Structure formats: structure tokens, C-alpha cells
């Protein structure tokens, strides 16, 4: 396996990869906000509950990624 390919496979366990995962997870909040707005406009309680649970999943996902970022510390895969 080449060195470049090895680095690419380690991207997810790097600080850069973790930041990218955090950004894409946070971007999901835009869809949740639209879902909440639509549910309120239509007075759809079930859709509002679905949006709340999805928001909780996003918050949990971000918390896990922050923990992973702290765990990475200085031993970044892409730097060394």
C-alpha cells in the first residue's frame, strides 16, 4: 500500500477528518430547522417529534466528535 493511500485511509482518524465530520453533521441542522418550520406551519405534531429526535441525534453526534477530537490530541495521523 502506498504512503499516500495509507494517509487517505487515516483521514477519518485525523483532526482534519474530525472537523469535516463535525461540519457535515452540523449542516444536517439546516434540514432539521426546515422540518421544524414546516411542522409548526402545518401543526403536525408527529413531524415535530421526528425533528426533535433528529436534532437530539445531531447533538449526540457532535458530542461524540468533540470527544474524539479531544482524544486525538497531538497524535494526528496526517501530521506525522
N, C-alpha and C. Protein backbone atom coordinates (compact mmCIF):
# COMPACT_ATOMS: atom_id res chain seq x y z
N UNK A 1 0.85 -1.17 0.00
CA UNK A 1 0.00 0.00 0.00
C UNK A 1 0.89 1.23 0.00
N UNK A 2 0.60 2.19 -0.87
CA UNK A 2 1.42 3.38 -0.96
C UNK A 2 1.22 4.28 0.25
N UNK A 3 2.18 5.17 0.45
CA UNK A 3 2.13 6.08 1.59
C UNK A 3 0.93 7.03 1.49
N UNK A 4 0.65 7.51 0.26
CA UNK A 4 -0.49 8.42 0.05
C UNK A 4 -1.81 7.72 0.35
N UNK A 5 -1.93 6.48 -0.08
CA UNK A 5 -3.16 5.74 0.17
C UNK A 5 -3.33 5.47 1.66
N UNK A 6 -2.24 5.20 2.33
CA UNK A 6 -2.27 4.97 3.76
C UNK A 6 -2.73 6.22 4.50
N UNK A 7 -2.24 7.38 4.05
CA UNK A 7 -2.65 8.65 4.67
C UNK A 7 -4.13 8.91 4.42
N UNK A 8 -4.60 8.59 3.22
CA UNK A 8 -6.01 8.81 2.88
C UNK A 8 -6.91 7.94 3.74
N UNK A 9 -6.49 6.71 4.02
CA UNK A 9 -7.30 5.83 4.85
C UNK A 9 -7.32 6.30 6.30
N UNK A 10 -6.28 7.00 6.73
CA UNK A 10 -6.22 7.51 8.10
C UNK A 10 -6.87 8.87 8.27
N UNK A 11 -7.45 9.42 7.19
CA UNK A 11 -8.02 10.76 7.25
C UNK A 11 -9.15 10.86 8.27
N UNK A 12 -9.97 9.82 8.37
CA UNK A 12 -11.11 9.87 9.27
C UNK A 12 -10.66 9.94 10.74
N UNK A 13 -9.49 9.41 11.04
CA UNK A 13 -8.99 9.44 12.40
C UNK A 13 -8.07 10.63 12.64
N UNK A 14 -8.11 11.63 11.77
CA UNK A 14 -7.27 12.81 11.92
C UNK A 14 -8.12 13.98 12.42
N UNK A 15 -7.43 15.04 12.84
CA UNK A 15 -8.16 16.24 13.27
C UNK A 15 -8.94 16.83 12.11
N UNK A 16 -8.32 16.85 10.94
CA UNK A 16 -8.99 17.40 9.76
C UNK A 16 -10.26 16.62 9.44
N UNK A 17 -10.15 15.30 9.47
CA UNK A 17 -11.31 14.46 9.20
C UNK A 17 -12.40 14.64 10.23
N UNK A 18 -12.00 14.80 11.48
CA UNK A 18 -12.99 15.01 12.54
C UNK A 18 -13.69 16.34 12.37
N UNK A 19 -12.92 17.39 12.02
CA UNK A 19 -13.55 18.69 11.78
C UNK A 19 -14.51 18.62 10.59
N UNK A 20 -14.14 17.89 9.55
CA UNK A 20 -15.02 17.74 8.40
C UNK A 20 -16.30 16.99 8.80
N UNK A 21 -16.16 15.96 9.61
CA UNK A 21 -17.34 15.22 10.09
C UNK A 21 -18.24 16.12 10.92
N UNK A 22 -17.62 16.96 11.75
CA UNK A 22 -18.41 17.89 12.57
C UNK A 22 -19.17 18.87 11.69
N UNK A 23 -18.53 19.36 10.64
CA UNK A 23 -19.19 20.33 9.75
C UNK A 23 -20.35 19.69 9.02
N UNK A 24 -20.17 18.48 8.53
CA UNK A 24 -21.26 17.83 7.80
C UNK A 24 -22.41 17.45 8.73
N UNK A 25 -22.08 17.09 9.96
CA UNK A 25 -23.12 16.78 10.94
C UNK A 25 -23.90 18.04 11.30
N UNK A 26 -23.18 19.14 11.50
CA UNK A 26 -23.84 20.41 11.83
C UNK A 26 -24.69 20.90 10.66
N UNK A 27 -24.26 20.61 9.44
CA UNK A 27 -25.03 21.02 8.26
C UNK A 27 -26.40 20.33 8.25
N UNK A 28 -26.49 19.17 8.85
CA UNK A 28 -27.77 18.47 8.96
C UNK A 28 -28.79 19.26 9.77
N UNK A 29 -28.31 20.18 10.59
CA UNK A 29 -29.21 21.01 11.39
C UNK A 29 -30.06 21.92 10.51
N UNK A 30 -29.56 22.26 9.33
CA UNK A 30 -30.32 23.10 8.40
C UNK A 30 -31.60 22.37 7.98
N UNK A 31 -31.47 21.11 7.66
CA UNK A 31 -32.64 20.31 7.28
C UNK A 31 -33.62 20.15 8.43
N UNK A 32 -33.07 20.01 9.63
CA UNK A 32 -33.93 19.88 10.81
C UNK A 32 -34.71 21.18 11.04
N UNK A 33 -34.03 22.31 10.87
CA UNK A 33 -34.70 23.60 11.05
C UNK A 33 -35.85 23.77 10.05
N UNK A 34 -35.62 23.35 8.81
CA UNK A 34 -36.69 23.41 7.80
C UNK A 34 -37.85 22.50 8.18
N UNK A 35 -37.52 21.32 8.71
CA UNK A 35 -38.55 20.36 9.10
C UNK A 35 -39.39 20.92 10.25
N UNK A 36 -38.73 21.56 11.22
CA UNK A 36 -39.45 22.16 12.35
C UNK A 36 -40.37 23.28 11.87
N UNK A 37 -39.85 24.11 10.99
CA UNK A 37 -40.64 25.22 10.46
C UNK A 37 -41.89 24.72 9.74
N UNK A 38 -41.72 23.69 8.92
CA UNK A 38 -42.85 23.12 8.19
C UNK A 38 -43.84 22.46 9.14
N UNK A 39 -43.35 21.76 10.15
CA UNK A 39 -44.22 21.09 11.11
C UNK A 39 -45.04 22.10 11.90
N UNK A 40 -44.42 23.19 12.28
CA UNK A 40 -45.16 24.23 13.02
C UNK A 40 -46.22 24.89 12.14
N UNK A 41 -45.84 25.13 10.89
CA UNK A 41 -46.78 25.78 9.97
C UNK A 41 -48.01 24.90 9.73
N UNK A 42 -47.79 23.58 9.64
CA UNK A 42 -48.88 22.65 9.37
C UNK A 42 -49.49 22.07 10.65
N UNK A 43 -49.00 22.47 11.80
CA UNK A 43 -49.46 21.95 13.10
C UNK A 43 -49.39 20.42 13.12
N UNK A 44 -48.27 19.89 12.65
CA UNK A 44 -48.04 18.45 12.57
C UNK A 44 -47.17 18.01 13.74
N UNK A 45 -47.80 17.48 14.77
CA UNK A 45 -47.10 17.08 15.99
C UNK A 45 -46.13 15.93 15.75
N UNK A 46 -46.52 14.98 14.95
CA UNK A 46 -45.66 13.82 14.69
C UNK A 46 -44.37 14.24 13.98
N UNK A 47 -44.49 15.13 13.00
CA UNK A 47 -43.30 15.62 12.30
C UNK A 47 -42.42 16.46 13.23
N UNK A 48 -43.04 17.17 14.15
CA UNK A 48 -42.29 17.96 15.13
C UNK A 48 -41.51 17.05 16.08
N UNK A 49 -42.12 15.96 16.49
CA UNK A 49 -41.43 14.98 17.34
C UNK A 49 -40.27 14.36 16.57
N UNK A 50 -40.48 14.04 15.31
CA UNK A 50 -39.42 13.48 14.48
C UNK A 50 -38.25 14.46 14.38
N UNK A 51 -38.54 15.72 14.19
CA UNK A 51 -37.49 16.74 14.10
C UNK A 51 -36.73 16.87 15.42
N UNK A 52 -37.44 16.79 16.53
CA UNK A 52 -36.79 16.88 17.84
C UNK A 52 -35.85 15.70 18.08
N UNK A 53 -36.29 14.51 17.68
CA UNK A 53 -35.43 13.34 17.83
C UNK A 53 -34.22 13.41 16.90
N UNK A 54 -34.42 13.92 15.71
CA UNK A 54 -33.31 14.08 14.78
C UNK A 54 -32.31 15.11 15.30
N UNK A 55 -32.83 16.17 15.90
CA UNK A 55 -31.95 17.19 16.49
C UNK A 55 -31.15 16.60 17.64
N UNK A 56 -31.78 15.75 18.43
CA UNK A 56 -31.07 15.09 19.52
C UNK A 56 -29.95 14.19 18.98
N UNK A 57 -30.21 13.54 17.85
CA UNK A 57 -29.18 12.70 17.23
C UNK A 57 -28.01 13.54 16.74
N UNK A 58 -28.29 14.70 16.20
CA UNK A 58 -27.22 15.59 15.73
C UNK A 58 -26.39 16.08 16.90
N UNK A 59 -27.05 16.46 17.99
CA UNK A 59 -26.33 16.93 19.18
C UNK A 59 -25.45 15.82 19.74
N UNK A 60 -25.98 14.61 19.79
CA UNK A 60 -25.20 13.47 20.28
C UNK A 60 -24.02 13.19 19.37
N UNK A 61 -24.24 13.24 18.07
CA UNK A 61 -23.16 13.02 17.11
C UNK A 61 -22.06 14.04 17.25
N UNK A 62 -22.44 15.30 17.41
CA UNK A 62 -21.43 16.35 17.60
C UNK A 62 -20.67 16.16 18.91
N UNK A 63 -21.37 15.74 19.96
CA UNK A 63 -20.69 15.49 21.23
C UNK A 63 -19.68 14.36 21.10
N UNK A 64 -20.03 13.32 20.38
CA UNK A 64 -19.09 12.21 20.16
C UNK A 64 -17.88 12.67 19.35
N UNK A 65 -18.11 13.52 18.36
CA UNK A 65 -17.00 14.01 17.55
C UNK A 65 -16.08 14.93 18.35
N UNK A 66 -16.66 15.75 19.21
CA UNK A 66 -15.84 16.61 20.07
C UNK A 66 -14.99 15.75 21.01
N UNK A 67 -15.59 14.70 21.55
CA UNK A 67 -14.83 13.79 22.42
C UNK A 67 -13.69 13.14 21.64
N UNK A 68 -13.95 12.73 20.41
CA UNK A 68 -12.92 12.12 19.58
C UNK A 68 -11.81 13.12 19.28
N UNK A 69 -12.19 14.37 19.06
CA UNK A 69 -11.20 15.41 18.79
C UNK A 69 -10.29 15.62 19.99
N UNK A 70 -10.88 15.61 21.18
CA UNK A 70 -10.07 15.74 22.40
C UNK A 70 -9.16 14.53 22.57
N UNK A 71 -9.66 13.36 22.22
CA UNK A 71 -8.89 12.13 22.36
C UNK A 71 -7.70 12.10 21.40
N UNK A 72 -7.88 12.71 20.22
CA UNK A 72 -6.79 12.72 19.24
C UNK A 72 -5.58 13.50 19.77
N UNK A 73 -5.87 14.64 20.40
CA UNK A 73 -4.79 15.44 20.97
C UNK A 73 -3.73 15.78 19.95
N UNK A 74 -2.49 15.50 20.29
CA UNK A 74 -1.36 15.86 19.43
C UNK A 74 -0.94 14.75 18.48
N UNK A 75 -1.44 13.56 18.65
CA UNK A 75 -1.01 12.44 17.80
C UNK A 75 -1.87 12.36 16.54
N UNK A 76 -1.82 13.41 15.72
CA UNK A 76 -2.60 13.49 14.48
C UNK A 76 -1.99 12.58 13.42
N UNK A 77 -2.83 11.81 12.75
CA UNK A 77 -2.38 10.84 11.75
C UNK A 77 -1.73 11.52 10.56
N UNK A 78 -2.29 12.63 10.08
CA UNK A 78 -1.80 13.27 8.87
C UNK A 78 -0.53 14.08 9.09
N UNK A 79 -0.26 14.46 10.30
CA UNK A 79 0.93 15.28 10.56
C UNK A 79 2.21 14.46 10.67
N UNK A 80 2.11 13.23 11.02
CA UNK A 80 3.35 12.50 11.24
C UNK A 80 3.31 11.18 10.73
